């Protein structure tokens, strides 16, 4: 999914970073993710550039970049595991 937005809600920020909403609130409380409060309800909004600066959590995925990193062409060990006689039937799917 390609996201072209500049401002994100808590839910959208959590999805973008592949973390929970609780993690977004925690990052904000710790000062590691700036949040902007808007409206009378004081809803939080996050800028895309600030979300991109948050260090990646090991094991979390962020868009297609992480999917490309986990590929047989990028990792010769995975290529060996995925290309073997036992799972040759799956190659036909």
C-alpha atoms as a PDB file:
ATOM      1  CA  UNK A   1       0.000   0.000   0.000  1.00  0.00           C
ATOM      2  CA  UNK A   2       1.400   3.365  -1.032  1.00  0.00           C
ATOM      3  CA  UNK A   3       0.536   6.177   1.338  1.00  0.00           C
ATOM      4  CA  UNK A   4       0.693   9.722   0.009  1.00  0.00           C
ATOM      5  CA  UNK A   5      -0.750  11.475   3.074  1.00  0.00           C
ATOM      6  CA  UNK A   6       0.991  14.247   4.985  1.00  0.00           C
ATOM      7  CA  UNK A   7      -0.999  14.008   8.252  1.00  0.00           C
ATOM      8  CA  UNK A   8      -2.025  10.814  10.079  1.00  0.00           C
ATOM      9  CA  UNK A   9      -4.467   9.969  12.865  1.00  0.00           C
ATOM     10  CA  UNK A  10      -3.385   7.687  15.711  1.00  0.00           C
ATOM     11  CA  UNK A  11      -4.921   4.687  13.948  1.00  0.00           C
ATOM     12  CA  UNK A  12      -3.314   5.543  10.617  1.00  0.00           C
ATOM     13  CA  UNK A  13       0.074   6.166  12.247  1.00  0.00           C
ATOM     14  CA  UNK A  14      -0.106   2.796  13.989  1.00  0.00           C
ATOM     15  CA  UNK A  15      -0.921   1.059  10.713  1.00  0.00           C
ATOM     16  CA  UNK A  16       1.819   2.947   8.857  1.00  0.00           C
ATOM     17  CA  UNK A  17       4.457   1.921  11.415  1.00  0.00           C
ATOM     18  CA  UNK A  18       2.954  -1.568  11.910  1.00  0.00           C
ATOM     19  CA  UNK A  19       2.606  -1.056  15.653  1.00  0.00           C
ATOM     20  CA  UNK A  20      -0.323  -0.818  18.036  1.00  0.00           C
ATOM     21  CA  UNK A  21      -2.117   2.410  18.940  1.00  0.00           C
ATOM     22  CA  UNK A  22      -0.747   1.914  22.448  1.00  0.00           C
ATOM     23  CA  UNK A  23       2.794   2.079  21.050  1.00  0.00           C
ATOM     24  CA  UNK A  24       1.965   5.336  19.269  1.00  0.00           C
ATOM     25  CA  UNK A  25       0.711   6.834  22.536  1.00  0.00           C
ATOM     26  CA  UNK A  26       3.829   5.579  24.334  1.00  0.00           C
ATOM     27  CA  UNK A  27       6.179   7.051  21.710  1.00  0.00           C
ATOM     28  CA  UNK A  28       4.339  10.363  22.015  1.00  0.00           C
ATOM     29  CA  UNK A  29       4.483  10.350  25.811  1.00  0.00           C
ATOM     30  CA  UNK A  30       8.224   9.578  25.740  1.00  0.00           C
ATOM     31  CA  UNK A  31       8.814  12.477  23.341  1.00  0.00           C
ATOM     32  CA  UNK A  32      10.131  10.219  20.580  1.00  0.00           C
ATOM     33  CA  UNK A  33       7.212  11.042  18.251  1.00  0.00           C
ATOM     34  CA  UNK A  34       5.900  14.620  18.037  1.00  0.00           C
ATOM     35  CA  UNK A  35       2.111  14.911  18.037  1.00  0.00           C
ATOM     36  CA  UNK A  36       0.007  17.900  17.088  1.00  0.00           C
ATOM     37  CA  UNK A  37      -3.309  18.460  18.895  1.00  0.00           C
ATOM     38  CA  UNK A  38      -6.218  19.798  16.838  1.00  0.00           C
ATOM     39  CA  UNK A  39      -9.815  20.843  17.444  1.00  0.00           C
ATOM     40  CA  UNK A  40     -11.794  21.161  20.650  1.00  0.00           C
ATOM     41  CA  UNK A  41     -11.442  17.435  21.271  1.00  0.00           C
ATOM     42  CA  UNK A  42      -7.641  17.847  21.008  1.00  0.00           C
ATOM     43  CA  UNK A  43      -7.211  14.862  18.660  1.00  0.00           C
ATOM     44  CA  UNK A  44      -3.626  13.916  17.875  1.00  0.00           C
ATOM     45  CA  UNK A  45      -2.199  14.177  14.372  1.00  0.00           C
ATOM     46  CA  UNK A  46       1.236  13.078  13.197  1.00  0.00           C
ATOM     47  CA  UNK A  47       3.305  14.289  10.255  1.00  0.00           C
ATOM     48  CA  UNK A  48       4.587  11.673   7.824  1.00  0.00           C
ATOM     49  CA  UNK A  49       8.135  13.007   8.058  1.00  0.00           C
ATOM     50  CA  UNK A  50       8.062  12.520  11.861  1.00  0.00           C
ATOM     51  CA  UNK A  51       6.725   8.977  11.472  1.00  0.00           C
ATOM     52  CA  UNK A  52       9.524   8.182   9.023  1.00  0.00           C
ATOM     53  CA  UNK A  53      12.110   9.253  11.640  1.00  0.00           C
ATOM     54  CA  UNK A  54      10.887   6.752  14.242  1.00  0.00           C
ATOM     55  CA  UNK A  55      13.414   3.895  14.462  1.00  0.00           C
ATOM     56  CA  UNK A  56      12.082   0.643  13.076  1.00  0.00           C
ATOM     57  CA  UNK A  57      11.090  -1.993  15.553  1.00  0.00           C
ATOM     58  CA  UNK A  58      12.863  -5.310  14.868  1.00  0.00           C
ATOM     59  CA  UNK A  59      10.371  -7.753  13.401  1.00  0.00           C
ATOM     60  CA  UNK A  60       7.894  -5.062  12.401  1.00  0.00           C
ATOM     61  CA  UNK A  61       7.160  -4.403   8.770  1.00  0.00           C
ATOM     62  CA  UNK A  62       6.824  -1.047   7.157  1.00  0.00           C
ATOM     63  CA  UNK A  63       5.367  -1.154   3.682  1.00  0.00           C
ATOM     64  CA  UNK A  64       6.967  -2.894   0.732  1.00  0.00           C
ATOM     65  CA  UNK A  65      10.544  -2.106   1.819  1.00  0.00           C
ATOM     66  CA  UNK A  66      10.526  -4.797   4.468  1.00  0.00           C
ATOM     67  CA  UNK A  67       8.807  -7.280   2.151  1.00  0.00           C
ATOM     68  CA  UNK A  68      11.516  -6.781  -0.434  1.00  0.00           C
ATOM     69  CA  UNK A  69      14.177  -7.277   2.230  1.00  0.00           C
ATOM     70  CA  UNK A  70      12.709 -10.691   3.007  1.00  0.00           C
ATOM     71  CA  UNK A  71      13.132 -12.305  -0.378  1.00  0.00           C
ATOM     72  CA  UNK A  72      15.146 -15.119  -1.851  1.00  0.00           C
ATOM     73  CA  UNK A  73      17.034 -12.717  -4.103  1.00  0.00           C
ATOM     74  CA  UNK A  74      18.046 -10.548  -1.138  1.00  0.00           C
ATOM     75  CA  UNK A  75      19.071 -13.424   1.139  1.00  0.00           C
ATOM     76  CA  UNK A  76      20.969 -16.464  -0.183  1.00  0.00           C
ATOM     77  CA  UNK A  77      20.111 -18.512   2.933  1.00  0.00           C
ATOM     78  CA  UNK A  78      16.414 -17.997   2.306  1.00  0.00           C
ATOM     79  CA  UNK A  79      16.944 -18.832  -1.357  1.00  0.00           C
ATOM     80  CA  UNK A  80      18.402 -22.194  -0.354  1.00  0.00           C
ATOM     81  CA  UNK A  81      15.588 -22.896   2.095  1.00  0.00           C
ATOM     82  CA  UNK A  82      12.840 -21.885  -0.304  1.00  0.00           C
ATOM     83  CA  UNK A  83      14.265 -23.583  -3.392  1.00  0.00           C
ATOM     84  CA  UNK A  84      14.429 -27.265  -2.588  1.00  0.00           C
ATOM     85  CA  UNK A  85      12.922 -30.540  -3.790  1.00  0.00           C
ATOM     86  CA  UNK A  86      10.511 -30.961  -0.860  1.00  0.00           C
ATOM     87  CA  UNK A  87       8.518 -27.866  -1.699  1.00  0.00           C
ATOM     88  CA  UNK A  88       8.794 -28.014  -5.490  1.00  0.00           C
ATOM     89  CA  UNK A  89       5.038 -28.658  -5.685  1.00  0.00           C
ATOM     90  CA  UNK A  90       4.401 -25.222  -4.206  1.00  0.00           C
ATOM     91  CA  UNK A  91       6.439 -23.586  -6.959  1.00  0.00           C
ATOM     92  CA  UNK A  92       3.686 -24.561  -9.410  1.00  0.00           C
ATOM     93  CA  UNK A  93       0.975 -22.581  -7.563  1.00  0.00           C
END
